[in-house]
């Protein structure tokens, strides 16, 4: 999928092969490890191989990423992130829409995610409803949110 956002062309691509996955990992490392201080050993996990990954590119530069897995029949959206200089330009919404589309194509009737509490309003605007109390993950407060697909 290609869209024009704020005067530059961006594309959303399903990851194929090591190069694409490494692009996703670079964006995730920059955001979660570099900006937010998540320990590197927590950022990459044993679920990487079972997840379907996407990367958003501006030209050839990876600027956003996310992954989705089927868990108990729901699409579990994870590791959604956008480089700081590209935020508030619709890139995050593009990632969520694409991950939801992948989940639907795999038969999921709902999507769920664990949102950092500061991002809860972003997901609420996209139709997600908070269904948990605040809990800690990687040292940061999160809530679980769900949406019917």
N, C-alpha and C. Protein backbone atom coordinates (compact mmCIF):
# COMPACT_ATOMS: atom_id res chain seq x y z
N UNK A 1 0.85 -1.16 0.00
CA UNK A 1 0.00 0.00 0.00
C UNK A 1 0.90 1.24 0.00
N UNK A 2 0.58 2.20 -0.84
CA UNK A 2 1.34 3.45 -0.88
C UNK A 2 0.37 4.60 -0.63
N UNK A 3 0.80 5.54 0.14
CA UNK A 3 0.01 6.73 0.41
C UNK A 3 0.94 7.92 0.48
N UNK A 4 0.38 9.09 0.17
CA UNK A 4 1.18 10.29 0.31
C UNK A 4 0.80 10.95 1.62
N UNK A 5 1.78 11.14 2.47
CA UNK A 5 1.57 11.74 3.78
C UNK A 5 2.47 12.95 3.90
N UNK A 6 1.89 14.10 4.15
CA UNK A 6 2.66 15.33 4.41
C UNK A 6 3.73 15.59 3.36
N UNK A 7 3.38 15.35 2.09
CA UNK A 7 4.28 15.74 1.02
C UNK A 7 5.34 14.72 0.65
N UNK A 8 5.38 13.56 1.28
CA UNK A 8 6.34 12.54 0.87
C UNK A 8 5.60 11.22 0.72
N UNK A 9 6.12 10.38 -0.14
CA UNK A 9 5.48 9.09 -0.41
C UNK A 9 5.93 8.06 0.62
N UNK A 10 4.97 7.38 1.20
CA UNK A 10 5.29 6.29 2.11
C UNK A 10 4.63 5.02 1.60
N UNK A 11 5.26 3.90 1.87
CA UNK A 11 4.70 2.60 1.51
C UNK A 11 4.67 1.72 2.73
N UNK A 12 3.65 0.88 2.80
CA UNK A 12 3.52 -0.11 3.87
C UNK A 12 3.76 -1.46 3.23
N UNK A 13 4.73 -2.19 3.73
CA UNK A 13 5.07 -3.48 3.13
C UNK A 13 5.07 -4.58 4.17
N UNK A 14 4.49 -5.73 3.77
CA UNK A 14 4.64 -6.93 4.60
C UNK A 14 6.09 -7.36 4.49
N UNK A 15 6.67 -7.72 5.60
CA UNK A 15 8.07 -8.11 5.63
C UNK A 15 8.25 -9.47 4.97
N UNK A 16 9.22 -9.50 4.09
CA UNK A 16 9.62 -10.75 3.46
C UNK A 16 11.12 -10.86 3.60
N UNK A 17 11.57 -11.88 4.27
CA UNK A 17 13.01 -12.12 4.37
C UNK A 17 13.69 -11.34 5.48
N UNK A 18 14.97 -11.61 5.60
CA UNK A 18 15.78 -11.07 6.68
C UNK A 18 15.93 -9.56 6.59
N UNK A 19 16.10 -9.02 5.38
CA UNK A 19 16.32 -7.58 5.23
C UNK A 19 15.13 -6.78 5.75
N UNK A 20 13.93 -7.19 5.36
CA UNK A 20 12.73 -6.49 5.82
C UNK A 20 12.55 -6.60 7.32
N UNK A 21 12.81 -7.78 7.86
CA UNK A 21 12.68 -7.95 9.30
C UNK A 21 13.72 -7.09 10.03
N UNK A 22 14.92 -7.02 9.49
CA UNK A 22 15.95 -6.16 10.10
C UNK A 22 15.54 -4.69 10.05
N UNK A 23 14.85 -4.27 8.99
CA UNK A 23 14.33 -2.89 8.93
C UNK A 23 13.33 -2.66 10.07
N UNK A 24 12.45 -3.63 10.29
CA UNK A 24 11.47 -3.52 11.39
C UNK A 24 12.21 -3.43 12.72
N UNK A 25 13.21 -4.28 12.90
CA UNK A 25 13.95 -4.29 14.16
C UNK A 25 14.69 -2.98 14.38
N UNK A 26 15.21 -2.37 13.32
CA UNK A 26 15.92 -1.09 13.46
C UNK A 26 14.99 0.01 13.96
N UNK A 27 13.78 0.06 13.39
CA UNK A 27 12.81 1.08 13.84
C UNK A 27 12.42 0.80 15.29
N UNK A 28 12.11 -0.44 15.59
CA UNK A 28 11.72 -0.79 16.95
C UNK A 28 12.82 -0.49 17.94
N UNK A 29 14.05 -0.78 17.59
CA UNK A 29 15.17 -0.49 18.48
C UNK A 29 15.31 1.01 18.72
N UNK A 30 15.18 1.80 17.66
CA UNK A 30 15.30 3.25 17.81
C UNK A 30 14.23 3.79 18.75
N UNK A 31 13.00 3.31 18.60
CA UNK A 31 11.88 3.83 19.40
C UNK A 31 11.88 3.23 20.81
N UNK A 32 11.83 1.92 20.90
CA UNK A 32 11.64 1.29 22.21
C UNK A 32 12.91 1.27 23.05
N UNK A 33 14.03 0.93 22.44
CA UNK A 33 15.28 0.86 23.20
C UNK A 33 15.89 2.25 23.33
N UNK A 34 16.08 2.94 22.19
CA UNK A 34 16.74 4.24 22.19
C UNK A 34 15.97 5.33 22.91
N UNK A 35 14.69 5.48 22.57
CA UNK A 35 13.88 6.56 23.16
C UNK A 35 13.32 6.20 24.53
N UNK A 36 12.79 4.98 24.65
CA UNK A 36 12.02 4.64 25.84
C UNK A 36 12.79 3.83 26.87
N UNK A 37 14.00 3.41 26.52
CA UNK A 37 14.83 2.72 27.49
C UNK A 37 14.46 1.28 27.77
N UNK A 38 13.72 0.64 26.85
CA UNK A 38 13.41 -0.77 27.01
C UNK A 38 14.72 -1.55 26.85
N UNK A 39 15.00 -2.49 27.75
CA UNK A 39 16.23 -3.29 27.59
C UNK A 39 16.19 -4.05 26.26
N UNK A 40 17.31 -4.04 25.51
CA UNK A 40 17.33 -4.71 24.21
C UNK A 40 16.89 -6.17 24.27
N UNK A 41 17.20 -6.84 25.36
CA UNK A 41 16.83 -8.25 25.45
C UNK A 41 15.32 -8.46 25.60
N UNK A 42 14.58 -7.41 25.96
CA UNK A 42 13.12 -7.51 26.03
C UNK A 42 12.46 -7.13 24.71
N UNK A 43 13.15 -6.35 23.90
CA UNK A 43 12.54 -5.88 22.66
C UNK A 43 12.36 -7.01 21.64
N UNK A 44 13.38 -7.79 21.40
CA UNK A 44 13.25 -8.94 20.51
C UNK A 44 12.90 -10.14 21.36
N UNK A 45 11.91 -10.92 20.91
CA UNK A 45 11.47 -12.04 21.73
C UNK A 45 11.28 -13.31 20.91
N UNK A 46 10.84 -14.34 21.59
CA UNK A 46 10.68 -15.65 20.97
C UNK A 46 9.48 -15.71 20.02
N UNK A 47 8.70 -14.64 19.93
CA UNK A 47 7.50 -14.63 19.09
C UNK A 47 7.74 -14.03 17.71
N UNK A 48 8.96 -13.57 17.44
CA UNK A 48 9.25 -12.91 16.17
C UNK A 48 8.92 -13.81 14.97
N UNK A 49 9.23 -15.09 15.06
CA UNK A 49 9.02 -15.98 13.92
C UNK A 49 7.56 -16.29 13.65
N UNK A 50 6.73 -16.28 14.69
CA UNK A 50 5.31 -16.59 14.46
C UNK A 50 4.50 -15.36 14.07
N UNK A 51 5.04 -14.18 14.25
CA UNK A 51 4.34 -12.94 13.93
C UNK A 51 4.51 -12.57 12.46
N UNK A 52 3.52 -11.85 11.93
CA UNK A 52 3.65 -11.26 10.61
C UNK A 52 4.03 -9.79 10.84
N UNK A 53 5.11 -9.35 10.21
CA UNK A 53 5.66 -8.02 10.41
C UNK A 53 5.37 -7.11 9.22
N UNK A 54 5.18 -5.82 9.51
CA UNK A 54 5.10 -4.83 8.44
C UNK A 54 6.08 -3.71 8.75
N UNK A 55 6.50 -3.04 7.68
CA UNK A 55 7.38 -1.88 7.80
C UNK A 55 6.82 -0.78 6.93
N UNK A 56 6.85 0.45 7.42
CA UNK A 56 6.50 1.62 6.63
C UNK A 56 7.80 2.26 6.19
N UNK A 57 7.88 2.55 4.90
CA UNK A 57 9.07 3.19 4.33
C UNK A 57 8.73 4.57 3.80
N UNK A 58 9.64 5.50 4.00
CA UNK A 58 9.63 6.79 3.30
C UNK A 58 10.78 6.69 2.31
N UNK A 59 10.44 6.49 1.04
CA UNK A 59 11.48 6.13 0.07
C UNK A 59 12.03 4.78 0.47
N UNK A 60 13.32 4.70 0.71
CA UNK A 60 13.92 3.43 1.14
C UNK A 60 14.19 3.40 2.65
N UNK A 61 13.83 4.48 3.36
CA UNK A 61 14.10 4.55 4.79
C UNK A 61 12.95 3.96 5.60
N UNK A 62 13.24 2.96 6.44
CA UNK A 62 12.19 2.43 7.32
C UNK A 62 11.87 3.44 8.41
N UNK A 63 10.56 3.78 8.54
CA UNK A 63 10.17 4.82 9.50
C UNK A 63 9.12 4.35 10.50
N UNK A 64 8.54 3.18 10.28
CA UNK A 64 7.52 2.66 11.18
C UNK A 64 7.47 1.16 11.07
N UNK A 65 6.92 0.51 12.10
CA UNK A 65 6.85 -0.94 12.09
C UNK A 65 5.74 -1.42 13.01
N UNK A 66 5.40 -2.67 12.85
CA UNK A 66 4.44 -3.34 13.73
C UNK A 66 4.39 -4.81 13.37
N UNK A 67 3.76 -5.57 14.25
CA UNK A 67 3.59 -7.00 13.97
C UNK A 67 2.23 -7.43 14.49
N UNK A 68 1.77 -8.57 13.98
CA UNK A 68 0.48 -9.12 14.42
C UNK A 68 0.60 -10.63 14.48
N UNK A 69 -0.06 -11.20 15.49
CA UNK A 69 -0.14 -12.65 15.66
C UNK A 69 -1.58 -13.01 15.96
N UNK A 70 -1.96 -14.23 15.65
CA UNK A 70 -3.26 -14.73 16.08
C UNK A 70 -3.09 -15.36 17.46
N UNK A 71 -3.85 -14.87 18.42
CA UNK A 71 -3.81 -15.39 19.79
C UNK A 71 -5.26 -15.61 20.22
N UNK A 72 -5.60 -16.86 20.49
CA UNK A 72 -6.96 -17.22 20.90
C UNK A 72 -8.00 -16.66 19.92
N UNK A 73 -7.71 -16.72 18.63
CA UNK A 73 -8.64 -16.28 17.60
C UNK A 73 -8.68 -14.79 17.34
N UNK A 74 -7.94 -14.01 18.11
CA UNK A 74 -7.91 -12.55 17.93
C UNK A 74 -6.59 -12.14 17.29
N UNK A 75 -6.63 -11.06 16.54
CA UNK A 75 -5.40 -10.48 16.02
C UNK A 75 -4.75 -9.67 17.13
N UNK A 76 -3.57 -10.06 17.56
CA UNK A 76 -2.86 -9.33 18.62
C UNK A 76 -1.83 -8.42 17.96
N UNK A 77 -2.10 -7.12 18.00
CA UNK A 77 -1.23 -6.12 17.41
C UNK A 77 -0.13 -5.78 18.41
N UNK A 78 1.11 -5.78 17.93
CA UNK A 78 2.25 -5.60 18.83
C UNK A 78 3.33 -4.76 18.17
N UNK A 79 4.17 -4.18 19.01
CA UNK A 79 5.40 -3.49 18.59
C UNK A 79 5.13 -2.39 17.56
N UNK A 80 4.00 -1.70 17.71
CA UNK A 80 3.65 -0.61 16.79
C UNK A 80 4.47 0.62 17.16
N UNK A 81 5.20 1.14 16.19
CA UNK A 81 6.05 2.30 16.48
C UNK A 81 6.36 3.08 15.21
N UNK A 82 6.64 4.37 15.41
CA UNK A 82 6.99 5.29 14.33
C UNK A 82 8.15 6.15 14.82
N UNK A 83 9.15 6.36 13.97
CA UNK A 83 10.26 7.23 14.35
C UNK A 83 9.74 8.61 14.72
N UNK A 84 10.37 9.23 15.69
CA UNK A 84 9.89 10.50 16.28
C UNK A 84 9.58 11.57 15.24
N UNK A 85 10.46 11.74 14.25
CA UNK A 85 10.27 12.83 13.30
C UNK A 85 9.12 12.59 12.32
N UNK A 86 8.52 11.40 12.34
CA UNK A 86 7.41 11.08 11.44
C UNK A 86 6.08 10.92 12.17
N UNK A 87 6.05 11.21 13.46
CA UNK A 87 4.82 11.05 14.23
C UNK A 87 3.83 12.17 13.93
N UNK A 88 2.58 11.91 14.27
CA UNK A 88 1.47 12.86 14.08
C UNK A 88 1.24 13.18 12.61
N UNK A 89 1.54 12.22 11.74
CA UNK A 89 1.34 12.41 10.31
C UNK A 89 0.51 11.28 9.69
N UNK A 90 -0.14 10.48 10.54
CA UNK A 90 -0.99 9.41 10.05
C UNK A 90 -0.29 8.07 9.85
N UNK A 91 1.00 8.00 10.13
CA UNK A 91 1.75 6.76 9.91
C UNK A 91 1.27 5.66 10.87
N UNK A 92 1.08 6.01 12.13
CA UNK A 92 0.61 5.03 13.10
C UNK A 92 -0.74 4.45 12.71
N UNK A 93 -1.64 5.30 12.22
CA UNK A 93 -2.95 4.81 11.77
C UNK A 93 -2.79 3.85 10.61
N UNK A 94 -1.87 4.15 9.69
CA UNK A 94 -1.61 3.25 8.56
C UNK A 94 -1.16 1.88 9.07
N UNK A 95 -0.28 1.88 10.06
CA UNK A 95 0.22 0.61 10.61
C UNK A 95 -0.92 -0.19 11.23
N UNK A 96 -1.72 0.46 12.05
CA UNK A 96 -2.84 -0.23 12.71
C UNK A 96 -3.81 -0.78 11.67
N UNK A 97 -4.18 0.01 10.66
CA UNK A 97 -5.11 -0.45 9.63
C UNK A 97 -4.56 -1.68 8.90
N UNK A 98 -3.28 -1.65 8.57
CA UNK A 98 -2.68 -2.79 7.85
C UNK A 98 -2.64 -4.03 8.73
N UNK A 99 -2.27 -3.88 10.00
CA UNK A 99 -2.24 -5.03 10.91
C UNK A 99 -3.64 -5.59 11.11
N UNK A 100 -4.64 -4.72 11.22
CA UNK A 100 -6.03 -5.18 11.34
C UNK A 100 -6.45 -5.95 10.08
N UNK A 101 -6.05 -5.47 8.92
CA UNK A 101 -6.37 -6.13 7.66
C UNK A 101 -5.75 -7.54 7.61
N UNK A 102 -4.51 -7.65 8.04
CA UNK A 102 -3.85 -8.96 8.08
C UNK A 102 -4.59 -9.88 9.04
N UNK A 103 -4.97 -9.36 10.21
CA UNK A 103 -5.70 -10.17 11.19
C UNK A 103 -7.03 -10.66 10.61
N UNK A 104 -7.76 -9.76 9.94
CA UNK A 104 -9.04 -10.15 9.32
C UNK A 104 -8.82 -11.24 8.27
N UNK A 105 -7.74 -11.09 7.48
CA UNK A 105 -7.48 -12.08 6.43
C UNK A 105 -7.15 -13.45 7.01
N UNK A 106 -6.76 -13.50 8.27
CA UNK A 106 -6.46 -14.76 8.95
C UNK A 106 -7.66 -15.27 9.76
N UNK A 107 -8.80 -14.59 9.63
CA UNK A 107 -10.02 -15.05 10.28
C UNK A 107 -10.34 -14.43 11.62
N UNK A 108 -9.57 -13.44 12.05
CA UNK A 108 -9.83 -12.82 13.35
C UNK A 108 -11.06 -11.93 13.29
N UNK A 109 -11.92 -12.03 14.29
CA UNK A 109 -13.11 -11.19 14.38
C UNK A 109 -12.87 -9.98 15.28
N UNK A 110 -11.78 -10.02 16.04
CA UNK A 110 -11.44 -8.87 16.87
C UNK A 110 -9.93 -8.70 16.92
N UNK A 111 -9.53 -7.50 17.30
CA UNK A 111 -8.12 -7.19 17.49
C UNK A 111 -7.93 -6.79 18.94
N UNK A 112 -6.73 -7.07 19.45
CA UNK A 112 -6.41 -6.63 20.81
C UNK A 112 -4.97 -6.17 20.81
N UNK A 113 -4.66 -5.33 21.78
CA UNK A 113 -3.30 -4.83 21.92
C UNK A 113 -3.08 -4.37 23.34
N UNK A 114 -1.82 -4.32 23.72
CA UNK A 114 -1.43 -3.76 25.01
C UNK A 114 -0.80 -2.41 24.71
N UNK A 115 -1.49 -1.35 25.08
CA UNK A 115 -1.06 0.01 24.79
C UNK A 115 -0.34 0.64 25.97
N UNK A 116 0.75 1.33 25.69
CA UNK A 116 1.31 2.20 26.72
C UNK A 116 0.22 3.23 27.04
N UNK A 117 0.10 3.58 28.30
CA UNK A 117 -1.02 4.45 28.70
C UNK A 117 -1.00 5.79 27.97
N UNK A 118 0.17 6.31 27.64
CA UNK A 118 0.21 7.60 26.94
C UNK A 118 -0.36 7.49 25.52
N UNK A 119 -0.41 6.27 24.95
CA UNK A 119 -0.94 6.06 23.59
C UNK A 119 -2.41 5.63 23.60
N UNK A 120 -2.99 5.46 24.78
CA UNK A 120 -4.38 5.01 24.88
C UNK A 120 -5.35 5.90 24.09
N UNK A 121 -5.24 7.24 24.14
CA UNK A 121 -6.16 8.07 23.35
C UNK A 121 -6.02 7.85 21.84
N UNK A 122 -4.81 7.58 21.36
CA UNK A 122 -4.58 7.30 19.94
C UNK A 122 -5.39 6.08 19.52
N UNK A 123 -5.28 5.00 20.27
CA UNK A 123 -5.99 3.77 19.92
C UNK A 123 -7.50 3.93 20.11
N UNK A 124 -7.92 4.71 21.11
CA UNK A 124 -9.35 4.95 21.32
C UNK A 124 -9.96 5.63 20.09
N UNK A 125 -9.24 6.57 19.49
CA UNK A 125 -9.73 7.24 18.27
C UNK A 125 -9.90 6.26 17.12
N UNK A 126 -9.17 5.14 17.16
CA UNK A 126 -9.27 4.13 16.10
C UNK A 126 -10.27 3.04 16.44
N UNK A 127 -11.04 3.24 17.52
CA UNK A 127 -12.11 2.32 17.85
C UNK A 127 -11.79 1.29 18.92
N UNK A 128 -10.63 1.39 19.55
CA UNK A 128 -10.26 0.44 20.59
C UNK A 128 -10.84 0.86 21.93
N UNK A 129 -11.23 -0.13 22.73
CA UNK A 129 -11.83 0.09 24.04
C UNK A 129 -10.94 -0.56 25.09
N UNK A 130 -10.66 0.18 26.15
CA UNK A 130 -9.83 -0.33 27.24
C UNK A 130 -10.61 -1.37 28.04
N UNK A 131 -9.97 -2.54 28.26
CA UNK A 131 -10.65 -3.63 28.97
C UNK A 131 -9.85 -4.14 30.17
N UNK A 132 -8.84 -3.39 30.59
CA UNK A 132 -8.04 -3.85 31.73
C UNK A 132 -7.68 -2.67 32.61
N UNK A 133 -7.23 -3.01 33.80
CA UNK A 133 -6.60 -2.01 34.66
C UNK A 133 -5.18 -1.78 34.14
N UNK A 134 -4.54 -0.77 34.65
CA UNK A 134 -3.16 -0.47 34.27
C UNK A 134 -2.25 -1.57 34.82
N UNK A 135 -1.33 -2.03 33.99
CA UNK A 135 -0.32 -2.99 34.42
C UNK A 135 1.03 -2.56 33.86
N UNK A 136 2.09 -3.08 34.44
CA UNK A 136 3.44 -2.71 34.02
C UNK A 136 3.99 -3.74 33.04
N UNK A 137 4.62 -3.26 31.98
CA UNK A 137 5.31 -4.11 31.02
C UNK A 137 6.57 -3.36 30.62
N UNK A 138 7.71 -4.02 30.71
CA UNK A 138 9.01 -3.41 30.40
C UNK A 138 9.20 -2.11 31.18
N UNK A 139 8.65 -2.07 32.41
CA UNK A 139 8.81 -0.91 33.27
C UNK A 139 7.91 0.27 32.94
N UNK A 140 6.94 0.08 32.04
CA UNK A 140 6.04 1.17 31.64
C UNK A 140 4.59 0.77 31.84
N UNK A 141 3.73 1.72 32.21
CA UNK A 141 2.32 1.41 32.40
C UNK A 141 1.61 1.15 31.06
N UNK A 142 0.81 0.08 31.04
CA UNK A 142 0.06 -0.33 29.85
C UNK A 142 -1.38 -0.64 30.23
N UNK A 143 -2.25 -0.70 29.22
CA UNK A 143 -3.61 -1.22 29.35
C UNK A 143 -3.88 -2.11 28.15
N UNK A 144 -4.77 -3.09 28.33
CA UNK A 144 -5.21 -3.92 27.22
C UNK A 144 -6.43 -3.26 26.59
N UNK A 145 -6.44 -3.23 25.25
CA UNK A 145 -7.54 -2.63 24.50
C UNK A 145 -8.00 -3.61 23.43
N UNK A 146 -9.30 -3.58 23.09
CA UNK A 146 -9.85 -4.47 22.08
C UNK A 146 -10.73 -3.70 21.11
N UNK A 147 -10.93 -4.31 19.93
CA UNK A 147 -11.79 -3.72 18.90
C UNK A 147 -12.37 -4.85 18.07
N UNK A 148 -13.66 -4.76 17.79
CA UNK A 148 -14.28 -5.72 16.87
C UNK A 148 -13.84 -5.35 15.45
N UNK A 149 -13.50 -6.38 14.68
CA UNK A 149 -13.05 -6.12 13.30
C UNK A 149 -14.19 -6.26 12.34
